[in-house]
Amino acid sequence: MRSPQHPATEDIQLTEVLRALSDPVRLEILGRLARDGHLYCFELGAEMDLHKSTLSHHYRILREAGVTHTSQEGRRKRLTLRRDDLDARFPGLLDSILAAV
């Protein structure tokens, strides 16, 4: 199985991060990751009443923008927030966004 591509810290672009976080569903995912530290991709489907393919789309947008990191744990995919990378690139951005949500 191929591992997903993640941008290097220095390649994370502010415009892409803001575009990824411009969607209410992705903002909710961000808030959940900030609160819980991680989540498994299947966890939010029932809670948010979204189809699996729709959630996969949101996860991909967040990962490709550099907001999240996806790792494989057996048959499950684990999502974590790239807080350290985002804070290094854009100090205070995540805290400001999370405070406004």
PDB file of N, CA and C in Angstrom:
ATOM      1  N   MET A   1       0.841  -1.191   0.000  1.00  0.00           N
ATOM      2  CA  MET A   1       0.000   0.000   0.000  1.00  0.00           C
ATOM      3  C   MET A   1       0.879   1.245   0.000  1.00  0.00           C
ATOM      4  N   ARG A   2       0.563   2.190  -0.877  1.00  0.00           N
ATOM      5  CA  ARG A   2       1.298   3.447  -0.955  1.00  0.00           C
ATOM      6  C   ARG A   2       1.011   4.320   0.255  1.00  0.00           C
ATOM      7  N   SER A   3       2.050   4.958   0.760  1.00  0.00           N
ATOM      8  CA  SER A   3       1.808   5.903   1.852  1.00  0.00           C
ATOM      9  C   SER A   3       1.466   7.264   1.249  1.00  0.00           C
ATOM     10  N   PRO A   4       0.582   8.008   1.894  1.00  0.00           N
ATOM     11  CA  PRO A   4       0.162   9.304   1.339  1.00  0.00           C
ATOM     12  C   PRO A   4       1.301  10.314   1.342  1.00  0.00           C
ATOM     13  N   GLN A   5       1.263  11.228   0.393  1.00  0.00           N
ATOM     14  CA  GLN A   5       2.273  12.279   0.281  1.00  0.00           C
ATOM     15  C   GLN A   5       1.915  13.451   1.191  1.00  0.00           C
ATOM     16  N   HIS A   6       2.923  13.948   1.891  1.00  0.00           N
ATOM     17  CA  HIS A   6       2.758  15.107   2.762  1.00  0.00           C
ATOM     18  C   HIS A   6       3.783  16.161   2.346  1.00  0.00           C
ATOM     19  N   PRO A   7       3.387  17.426   2.278  1.00  0.00           N
ATOM     20  CA  PRO A   7       4.383  18.446   1.933  1.00  0.00           C
ATOM     21  C   PRO A   7       5.391  18.618   3.071  1.00  0.00           C
ATOM     22  N   ALA A   8       6.628  18.911   2.698  1.00  0.00           N
ATOM     23  CA  ALA A   8       7.652  19.228   3.692  1.00  0.00           C
ATOM     24  C   ALA A   8       7.251  20.529   4.384  1.00  0.00           C
ATOM     25  N   THR A   9       7.729  20.707   5.594  1.00  0.00           N
ATOM     26  CA  THR A   9       7.370  21.899   6.370  1.00  0.00           C
ATOM     27  C   THR A   9       7.612  23.181   5.584  1.00  0.00           C
ATOM     28  N   GLU A  10       8.755  23.273   4.945  1.00  0.00           N
ATOM     29  CA  GLU A  10       9.092  24.500   4.206  1.00  0.00           C
ATOM     30  C   GLU A  10       8.239  24.692   2.951  1.00  0.00           C
ATOM     31  N   ASP A  11       7.548  23.653   2.519  1.00  0.00           N
ATOM     32  CA  ASP A  11       6.693  23.751   1.328  1.00  0.00           C
ATOM     33  C   ASP A  11       5.232  24.066   1.648  1.00  0.00           C
ATOM     34  N   ILE A  12       4.880  24.132   2.918  1.00  0.00           N
ATOM     35  CA  ILE A  12       3.499  24.452   3.287  1.00  0.00           C
ATOM     36  C   ILE A  12       3.238  25.922   2.968  1.00  0.00           C
ATOM     37  N   GLN A  13       2.177  26.159   2.189  1.00  0.00           N
ATOM     38  CA  GLN A  13       1.837  27.512   1.744  1.00  0.00           C
ATOM     39  C   GLN A  13       0.626  28.040   2.508  1.00  0.00           C
ATOM     40  N   LEU A  14       0.696  29.287   2.925  1.00  0.00           N
ATOM     41  CA  LEU A  14      -0.395  29.903   3.674  1.00  0.00           C
ATOM     42  C   LEU A  14      -1.709  29.873   2.892  1.00  0.00           C
ATOM     43  N   THR A  15      -1.653  30.147   1.609  1.00  0.00           N
ATOM     44  CA  THR A  15      -2.881  30.165   0.808  1.00  0.00           C
ATOM     45  C   THR A  15      -3.548  28.791   0.789  1.00  0.00           C
ATOM     46  N   GLU A  16      -2.750  27.733   0.733  1.00  0.00           N
ATOM     47  CA  GLU A  16      -3.307  26.380   0.717  1.00  0.00           C
ATOM     48  C   GLU A  16      -3.899  26.002   2.075  1.00  0.00           C
ATOM     49  N   VAL A  17      -3.243  26.413   3.150  1.00  0.00           N
ATOM     50  CA  VAL A  17      -3.765  26.140   4.492  1.00  0.00           C
ATOM     51  C   VAL A  17      -5.095  26.853   4.680  1.00  0.00           C
ATOM     52  N   LEU A  18      -5.153  28.121   4.297  1.00  0.00           N
ATOM     53  CA  LEU A  18      -6.389  28.885   4.463  1.00  0.00           C
ATOM     54  C   LEU A  18      -7.499  28.340   3.568  1.00  0.00           C
ATOM     55  N   ARG A  19      -7.152  27.924   2.355  1.00  0.00           N
ATOM     56  CA  ARG A  19      -8.151  27.330   1.462  1.00  0.00           C
ATOM     57  C   ARG A  19      -8.695  26.039   2.066  1.00  0.00           C
ATOM     58  N   ALA A  20      -7.793  25.218   2.621  1.00  0.00           N
ATOM     59  CA  ALA A  20      -8.229  23.956   3.223  1.00  0.00           C
ATOM     60  C   ALA A  20      -9.148  24.202   4.414  1.00  0.00           C
ATOM     61  N   LEU A  21      -8.892  25.263   5.149  1.00  0.00           N
ATOM     62  CA  LEU A  21      -9.681  25.533   6.355  1.00  0.00           C
ATOM     63  C   LEU A  21     -10.882  26.434   6.093  1.00  0.00           C
ATOM     64  N   SER A  22     -11.166  26.702   4.835  1.00  0.00           N
ATOM     65  CA  SER A  22     -12.308  27.559   4.513  1.00  0.00           C
ATOM     66  C   SER A  22     -13.631  26.795   4.488  1.00  0.00           C
ATOM     67  N   ASP A  23     -13.594  25.504   4.727  1.00  0.00           N
ATOM     68  CA  ASP A  23     -14.792  24.669   4.701  1.00  0.00           C
ATOM     69  C   ASP A  23     -15.213  24.325   6.131  1.00  0.00           C
ATOM     70  N   PRO A  24     -16.493  24.442   6.480  1.00  0.00           N
ATOM     71  CA  PRO A  24     -16.950  24.149   7.846  1.00  0.00           C
ATOM     72  C   PRO A  24     -16.647  22.712   8.302  1.00  0.00           C
ATOM     73  N   VAL A  25     -16.729  21.757   7.412  1.00  0.00           N
ATOM     74  CA  VAL A  25     -16.442  20.367   7.787  1.00  0.00           C
ATOM     75  C   VAL A  25     -14.972  20.225   8.160  1.00  0.00           C
ATOM     76  N   ARG A  26     -14.098  20.823   7.360  1.00  0.00           N
ATOM     77  CA  ARG A  26     -12.663  20.723   7.651  1.00  0.00           C
ATOM     78  C   ARG A  26     -12.311  21.505   8.911  1.00  0.00           C
ATOM     79  N   LEU A  27     -13.006  22.601   9.164  1.00  0.00           N
ATOM     80  CA  LEU A  27     -12.791  23.322  10.422  1.00  0.00           C
ATOM     81  C   LEU A  27     -13.194  22.464  11.613  1.00  0.00           C
ATOM     82  N   GLU A  28     -14.270  21.723  11.465  1.00  0.00           N
ATOM     83  CA  GLU A  28     -14.703  20.830  12.536  1.00  0.00           C
ATOM     84  C   GLU A  28     -13.677  19.718  12.766  1.00  0.00           C
ATOM     85  N   ILE A  29     -13.128  19.187  11.682  1.00  0.00           N
ATOM     86  CA  ILE A  29     -12.081  18.162  11.799  1.00  0.00           C
ATOM     87  C   ILE A  29     -10.865  18.756  12.516  1.00  0.00           C
ATOM     88  N   LEU A  30     -10.490  19.984  12.154  1.00  0.00           N
ATOM     89  CA  LEU A  30      -9.370  20.661  12.796  1.00  0.00           C
ATOM     90  C   LEU A  30      -9.604  20.804  14.294  1.00  0.00           C
ATOM     91  N   GLY A  31     -10.796  21.269  14.660  1.00  0.00           N
ATOM     92  CA  GLY A  31     -11.122  21.426  16.078  1.00  0.00           C
ATOM     93  C   GLY A  31     -11.058  20.111  16.828  1.00  0.00           C
ATOM     94  N   ARG A  32     -11.552  19.076  16.209  1.00  0.00           N
ATOM     95  CA  ARG A  32     -11.528  17.743  16.830  1.00  0.00           C
ATOM     96  C   ARG A  32     -10.092  17.251  17.017  1.00  0.00           C
ATOM     97  N   LEU A  33      -9.247  17.460  16.012  1.00  0.00           N
ATOM     98  CA  LEU A  33      -7.845  17.057  16.128  1.00  0.00           C
ATOM     99  C   LEU A  33      -7.116  17.869  17.205  1.00  0.00           C
ATOM    100  N   ALA A  34      -7.412  19.148  17.271  1.00  0.00           N
ATOM    101  CA  ALA A  34      -6.777  19.990  18.293  1.00  0.00           C
ATOM    102  C   ALA A  34      -7.196  19.545  19.693  1.00  0.00           C
ATOM    103  N   ARG A  35      -8.436  19.134  19.830  1.00  0.00           N
ATOM    104  CA  ARG A  35      -8.951  18.702  21.133  1.00  0.00           C
ATOM    105  C   ARG A  35      -8.471  17.306  21.520  1.00  0.00           C
ATOM    106  N   ASP A  36      -8.560  16.361  20.568  1.00  0.00           N
ATOM    107  CA  ASP A  36      -8.294  14.962  20.888  1.00  0.00           C
ATOM    108  C   ASP A  36      -6.874  14.497  20.572  1.00  0.00           C
ATOM    109  N   GLY A  37      -6.133  15.261  19.774  1.00  0.00           N
ATOM    110  CA  GLY A  37      -4.772  14.878  19.438  1.00  0.00           C
ATOM    111  C   GLY A  37      -4.674  14.039  18.173  1.00  0.00           C
ATOM    112  N   HIS A  38      -5.618  13.155  17.960  1.00  0.00           N
ATOM    113  CA  HIS A  38      -5.652  12.340  16.745  1.00  0.00           C
ATOM    114  C   HIS A  38      -7.048  11.765  16.580  1.00  0.00           C
ATOM    115  N   LEU A  39      -7.293  11.236  15.412  1.00  0.00           N
ATOM    116  CA  LEU A  39      -8.524  10.483  15.180  1.00  0.00           C
ATOM    117  C   LEU A  39      -8.272   9.499  14.047  1.00  0.00           C
ATOM    118  N   TYR A  40      -9.090   8.478  14.021  1.00  0.00           N
ATOM    119  CA  TYR A  40      -9.025   7.506  12.936  1.00  0.00           C
ATOM    120  C   TYR A  40     -10.046   7.924  11.895  1.00  0.00           C
ATOM    121  N   CYS A  41      -9.688   7.735  10.643  1.00  0.00           N
ATOM    122  CA  CYS A  41     -10.508   8.242   9.532  1.00  0.00           C
ATOM    123  C   CYS A  41     -11.962   7.803   9.599  1.00  0.00           C
ATOM    124  N   PHE A  42     -12.227   6.621  10.106  1.00  0.00           N
ATOM    125  CA  PHE A  42     -13.607   6.110  10.122  1.00  0.00           C
ATOM    126  C   PHE A  42     -14.457   6.734  11.225  1.00  0.00           C
ATOM    127  N   GLU A  43     -13.857   7.386  12.201  1.00  0.00           N
ATOM    128  CA  GLU A  43     -14.575   7.842  13.391  1.00  0.00           C
ATOM    129  C   GLU A  43     -15.638   8.911  13.129  1.00  0.00           C
ATOM    130  N   LEU A  44     -15.400   9.796  12.210  1.00  0.00           N
ATOM    131  CA  LEU A  44     -16.297  10.934  12.047  1.00  0.00           C
ATOM    132  C   LEU A  44     -17.488  10.673  11.140  1.00  0.00           C
ATOM    133  N   GLY A  45     -17.473   9.589  10.387  1.00  0.00           N
ATOM    134  CA  GLY A  45     -18.540   9.322   9.427  1.00  0.00           C
ATOM    135  C   GLY A  45     -19.924   9.353  10.031  1.00  0.00           C
ATOM    136  N   ALA A  46     -20.143   8.610  11.093  1.00  0.00           N
ATOM    137  CA  ALA A  46     -21.470   8.549  11.709  1.00  0.00           C
ATOM    138  C   ALA A  46     -21.796   9.850  12.438  1.00  0.00           C
ATOM    139  N   GLU A  47     -20.805  10.435  13.105  1.00  0.00           N
ATOM    140  CA  GLU A  47     -21.043  11.656  13.871  1.00  0.00           C
ATOM    141  C   GLU A  47     -21.451  12.830  12.978  1.00  0.00           C
ATOM    142  N   MET A  48     -20.805  12.945  11.818  1.00  0.00           N
ATOM    143  CA  MET A  48     -21.042  14.088  10.951  1.00  0.00           C
ATOM    144  C   MET A  48     -22.046  13.788   9.845  1.00  0.00           C
ATOM    145  N   ASP A  49     -22.522  12.574   9.784  1.00  0.00           N
ATOM    146  CA  ASP A  49     -23.488  12.155   8.774  1.00  0.00           C
ATOM    147  C   ASP A  49     -22.987  12.471   7.363  1.00  0.00           C
ATOM    148  N   LEU A  50     -21.736  12.068   7.104  1.00  0.00           N
ATOM    149  CA  LEU A  50     -21.129  12.260   5.801  1.00  0.00           C
ATOM    150  C   LEU A  50     -20.729  10.914   5.220  1.00  0.00           C
ATOM    151  N   HIS A  51     -20.820  10.801   3.919  1.00  0.00           N
ATOM    152  CA  HIS A  51     -20.422   9.582   3.234  1.00  0.00           C
ATOM    153  C   HIS A  51     -18.906   9.417   3.322  1.00  0.00           C
ATOM    154  N   LYS A  52     -18.453   8.187   3.300  1.00  0.00           N
ATOM    155  CA  LYS A  52     -17.030   7.871   3.416  1.00  0.00           C
ATOM    156  C   LYS A  52     -16.195   8.593   2.354  1.00  0.00           C
ATOM    157  N   SER A  53     -16.683   8.644   1.129  1.00  0.00           N
ATOM    158  CA  SER A  53     -15.926   9.299   0.054  1.00  0.00           C
ATOM    159  C   SER A  53     -15.823  10.809   0.280  1.00  0.00           C
ATOM    160  N   THR A  54     -16.859  11.402   0.854  1.00  0.00           N
ATOM    161  CA  THR A  54     -16.826  12.835   1.159  1.00  0.00           C
ATOM    162  C   THR A  54     -15.795  13.126   2.237  1.00  0.00           C
ATOM    163  N   LEU A  55     -15.772  12.299   3.277  1.00  0.00           N
ATOM    164  CA  LEU A  55     -14.765  12.480   4.324  1.00  0.00           C
ATOM    165  C   LEU A  55     -13.359  12.282   3.772  1.00  0.00           C
ATOM    166  N   SER A  56     -13.175  11.284   2.913  1.00  0.00           N
ATOM    167  CA  SER A  56     -11.863  11.049   2.310  1.00  0.00           C
ATOM    168  C   SER A  56     -11.391  12.279   1.546  1.00  0.00           C
ATOM    169  N   HIS A  57     -12.319  12.906   0.857  1.00  0.00           N
ATOM    170  CA  HIS A  57     -11.994  14.131   0.125  1.00  0.00           C
ATOM    171  C   HIS A  57     -11.499  15.218   1.089  1.00  0.00           C
ATOM    172  N   HIS A  58     -12.206  15.420   2.188  1.00  0.00           N
ATOM    173  CA  HIS A  58     -11.807  16.431   3.171  1.00  0.00           C
ATOM    174  C   HIS A  58     -10.454  16.085   3.800  1.00  0.00           C
ATOM    175  N   TYR A  59     -10.245  14.832   4.123  1.00  0.00           N
ATOM    176  CA  TYR A  59      -8.959  14.414   4.692  1.00  0.00           C
ATOM    177  C   TYR A  59      -7.819  14.678   3.712  1.00  0.00           C
ATOM    178  N   ARG A  60      -8.052  14.401   2.422  1.00  0.00           N
ATOM    179  CA  ARG A  60      -7.022  14.605   1.408  1.00  0.00           C
ATOM    180  C   ARG A  60      -6.675  16.090   1.281  1.00  0.00           C
ATOM    181  N   ILE A  61      -7.680  16.943   1.273  1.00  0.00           N
ATOM    182  CA  ILE A  61      -7.452  18.391   1.170  1.00  0.00           C
ATOM    183  C   ILE A  61      -6.598  18.868   2.350  1.00  0.00           C
ATOM    184  N   LEU A  62      -6.936  18.430   3.549  1.00  0.00           N
ATOM    185  CA  LEU A  62      -6.178  18.826   4.738  1.00  0.00           C
ATOM    186  C   LEU A  62      -4.735  18.312   4.683  1.00  0.00           C
ATOM    187  N   ARG A  63      -4.570  17.075   4.257  1.00  0.00           N
ATOM    188  CA  ARG A  63      -3.219  16.476   4.175  1.00  0.00           C
ATOM    189  C   ARG A  63      -2.375  17.191   3.132  1.00  0.00           C
ATOM    190  N   GLU A  64      -2.911  17.396   1.934  1.00  0.00           N
ATOM    191  CA  GLU A  64      -2.145  18.019   0.860  1.00  0.00           C
ATOM    192  C   GLU A  64      -1.802  19.477   1.157  1.00  0.00           C
ATOM    193  N   ALA A  65      -2.600  20.141   1.982  1.00  0.00           N
ATOM    194  CA  ALA A  65      -2.301  21.523   2.381  1.00  0.00           C
ATOM    195  C   ALA A  65      -1.255  21.574   3.487  1.00  0.00           C
ATOM    196  N   GLY A  66      -0.960  20.433   4.103  1.00  0.00           N
ATOM    197  CA  GLY A  66       0.025  20.397   5.178  1.00  0.00           C
ATOM    198  C   GLY A  66      -0.563  20.591   6.553  1.00  0.00           C
ATOM    199  N   VAL A  67      -1.872  20.528   6.674  1.00  0.00           N
ATOM    200  CA  VAL A  67      -2.534  20.739   7.966  1.00  0.00           C
ATOM    201  C   VAL A  67      -2.500  19.466   8.810  1.00  0.00           C
ATOM    202  N   THR A  68      -2.641  18.315   8.161  1.00  0.00           N
ATOM    203  CA  THR A  68      -2.674  17.043   8.893  1.00  0.00           C
ATOM    204  C   THR A  68      -1.622  16.079   8.368  1.00  0.00           C
ATOM    205  N   HIS A  69      -1.366  15.070   9.158  1.00  0.00           N
ATOM    206  CA  HIS A  69      -0.492  13.958   8.769  1.00  0.00           C
ATOM    207  C   HIS A  69      -1.312  12.683   8.886  1.00  0.00           C
ATOM    208  N   THR A  70      -1.255  11.848   7.868  1.00  0.00           N
ATOM    209  CA  THR A  70      -1.982  10.583   7.856  1.00  0.00           C
ATOM    210  C   THR A  70      -0.985   9.446   7.913  1.00  0.00           C
ATOM    211  N   SER A  71      -1.181   8.538   8.851  1.00  0.00           N
ATOM    212  CA  SER A  71      -0.306   7.365   8.957  1.00  0.00           C
ATOM    213  C   SER A  71      -1.157   6.104   8.996  1.00  0.00           C
ATOM    214  N   GLN A  72      -0.585   5.041   8.526  1.00  0.00           N
ATOM    215  CA  GLN A  72      -1.268   3.754   8.475  1.00  0.00           C
ATOM    216  C   GLN A  72      -0.961   2.981   9.753  1.00  0.00           C
ATOM    217  N   GLU A  73      -1.989   2.483  10.419  1.00  0.00           N
ATOM    218  CA  GLU A  73      -1.842   1.625  11.600  1.00  0.00           C
ATOM    219  C   GLU A  73      -2.661   0.373  11.335  1.00  0.00           C
ATOM    220  N   GLY A  74      -2.004  -0.650  10.819  1.00  0.00           N
ATOM    221  CA  GLY A  74      -2.732  -1.845  10.425  1.00  0.00           C
ATOM    222  C   GLY A  74      -3.652  -1.510   9.274  1.00  0.00           C
ATOM    223  N   ARG A  75      -4.940  -1.754   9.458  1.00  0.00           N
ATOM    224  CA  ARG A  75      -5.922  -1.452   8.408  1.00  0.00           C
ATOM    225  C   ARG A  75      -6.548  -0.069   8.575  1.00  0.00           C
ATOM    226  N   ARG A  76      -6.167   0.628   9.633  1.00  0.00           N
ATOM    227  CA  ARG A  76      -6.766   1.938   9.905  1.00  0.00           C
ATOM    228  C   ARG A  76      -5.799   3.063   9.551  1.00  0.00           C
ATOM    229  N   LYS A  77      -6.370   4.210   9.207  1.00  0.00           N
ATOM    230  CA  LYS A  77      -5.573   5.410   8.955  1.00  0.00           C
ATOM    231  C   LYS A  77      -5.795   6.376  10.104  1.00  0.00           C
ATOM    232  N   ARG A  78      -4.687   6.887  10.615  1.00  0.00           N
ATOM    233  CA  ARG A  78      -4.712   7.786  11.768  1.00  0.00           C
ATOM    234  C   ARG A  78      -4.350   9.191  11.321  1.00  0.00           C
ATOM    235  N   LEU A  79      -5.152  10.151  11.710  1.00  0.00           N
ATOM    236  CA  LEU A  79      -4.934  11.552  11.371  1.00  0.00           C
ATOM    237  C   LEU A  79      -4.420  12.285  12.599  1.00  0.00           C
ATOM    238  N   THR A  80      -3.372  13.087  12.399  1.00  0.00           N
ATOM    239  CA  THR A  80      -2.865  13.961  13.454  1.00  0.00           C
ATOM    240  C   THR A  80      -2.684  15.361  12.871  1.00  0.00           C
ATOM    241  N   LEU A  81      -2.737  16.330  13.730  1.00  0.00           N
ATOM    242  CA  LEU A  81      -2.557  17.723  13.346  1.00  0.00           C
ATOM    243  C   LEU A  81      -1.060  18.025  13.282  1.00  0.00           C
ATOM    244  N   ARG A  82      -0.622  18.697  12.254  1.00  0.00           N
ATOM    245  CA  ARG A  82       0.790  19.071  12.124  1.00  0.00           C
ATOM    246  C   ARG A  82       1.028  20.420  12.810  1.00  0.00           C
ATOM    247  N   ARG A  83       0.695  20.469  14.076  1.00  0.00           N
ATOM    248  CA  ARG A  83       0.770  21.731  14.827  1.00  0.00           C
ATOM    249  C   ARG A  83       2.182  22.308  14.839  1.00  0.00           C
ATOM    250  N   ASP A  84       3.187  21.495  15.137  1.00  0.00           N
ATOM    251  CA  ASP A  84       4.560  22.005  15.206  1.00  0.00           C
ATOM    252  C   ASP A  84       5.009  22.583  13.866  1.00  0.00           C
ATOM    253  N   ASP A  85       4.686  21.889  12.780  1.00  0.00           N
ATOM    254  CA  ASP A  85       5.061  22.369  11.450  1.00  0.00           C
ATOM    255  C   ASP A  85       4.338  23.667  11.108  1.00  0.00           C
ATOM    256  N   LEU A  86       3.052  23.728  11.404  1.00  0.00           N
ATOM    257  CA  LEU A  86       2.285  24.939  11.104  1.00  0.00           C
ATOM    258  C   LEU A  86       2.717  26.109  11.982  1.00  0.00           C
ATOM    259  N   ASP A  87       3.014  25.831  13.250  1.00  0.00           N
ATOM    260  CA  ASP A  87       3.491  26.899  14.137  1.00  0.00           C
ATOM    261  C   ASP A  87       4.865  27.405  13.702  1.00  0.00           C
ATOM    262  N   ALA A  88       5.697  26.517  13.165  1.00  0.00           N
ATOM    263  CA  ALA A  88       7.016  26.931  12.681  1.00  0.00           C
ATOM    264  C   ALA A  88       6.882  27.834  11.448  1.00  0.00           C
ATOM    265  N   ARG A  89       5.959  27.502  10.560  1.00  0.00           N
ATOM    266  CA  ARG A  89       5.766  28.278   9.328  1.00  0.00           C
ATOM    267  C   ARG A  89       4.965  29.558   9.563  1.00  0.00           C
ATOM    268  N   PHE A  90       3.910  29.447  10.370  1.00  0.00           N
ATOM    269  CA  PHE A  90       2.983  30.564  10.559  1.00  0.00           C
ATOM    270  C   PHE A  90       2.649  30.697  12.048  1.00  0.00           C
ATOM    271  N   PRO A  91       3.544  31.277  12.842  1.00  0.00           N
ATOM    272  CA  PRO A  91       3.326  31.351  14.287  1.00  0.00           C
ATOM    273  C   PRO A  91       1.998  32.024  14.645  1.00  0.00           C
ATOM    274  N   GLY A  92       1.239  31.356  15.498  1.00  0.00           N
ATOM    275  CA  GLY A  92      -0.024  31.902  15.985  1.00  0.00           C
ATOM    276  C   GLY A  92      -1.225  31.666  15.092  1.00  0.00           C
ATOM    277  N   LEU A  93      -1.022  31.178  13.885  1.00  0.00           N
ATOM    278  CA  LEU A  93      -2.139  30.997  12.959  1.00  0.00           C
ATOM    279  C   LEU A  93      -3.165  29.993  13.482  1.00  0.00           C
ATOM    280  N   LEU A  94      -2.699  28.814  13.859  1.00  0.00           N
ATOM    281  CA  LEU A  94      -3.630  27.797  14.347  1.00  0.00           C
ATOM    282  C   LEU A  94      -4.382  28.255  15.584  1.00  0.00           C
ATOM    283  N   ASP A  95      -3.673  28.878  16.511  1.00  0.00           N
ATOM    284  CA  ASP A  95      -4.334  29.351  17.727  1.00  0.00           C
ATOM    285  C   ASP A  95      -5.422  30.371  17.403  1.00  0.00           C
ATOM    286  N   SER A  96      -5.136  31.254  16.458  1.00  0.00           N
ATOM    287  CA  SER A  96      -6.139  32.260  16.046  1.00  0.00           C
ATOM    288  C   SER A  96      -7.350  31.619  15.408  1.00  0.00           C
ATOM    289  N   ILE A  97      -7.109  30.646  14.537  1.00  0.00           N
ATOM    290  CA  ILE A  97      -8.228  29.961  13.866  1.00  0.00           C
ATOM    291  C   ILE A  97      -9.057  29.170  14.868  1.00  0.00           C
ATOM    292  N   LEU A  98      -8.375  28.445  15.751  1.00  0.00           N
ATOM    293  CA  LEU A  98      -9.101  27.635  16.740  1.00  0.00           C
ATOM    294  C   LEU A  98      -9.879  28.504  17.721  1.00  0.00           C
ATOM    295  N   ALA A  99      -9.367  29.671  18.059  1.00  0.00           N
ATOM    296  CA  ALA A  99     -10.063  30.580  18.963  1.00  0.00           C
ATOM    297  C   ALA A  99     -11.327  31.127  18.315  1.00  0.00           C
ATOM    298  N   ALA A 100     -11.308  31.261  16.998  1.00  0.00           N
ATOM    299  CA  ALA A 100     -12.454  31.814  16.278  1.00  0.00           C
ATOM    300  C   ALA A 100     -13.520  30.771  15.965  1.00  0.00           C
ATOM    301  N   VAL A 101     -13.165  29.512  16.074  1.00  0.00           N
ATOM    302  CA  VAL A 101     -14.109  28.439  15.717  1.00  0.00           C
ATOM    303  C   VAL A 101     -15.034  28.153  16.865  1.00  0.00           C
TER     304      VAL A 101
END
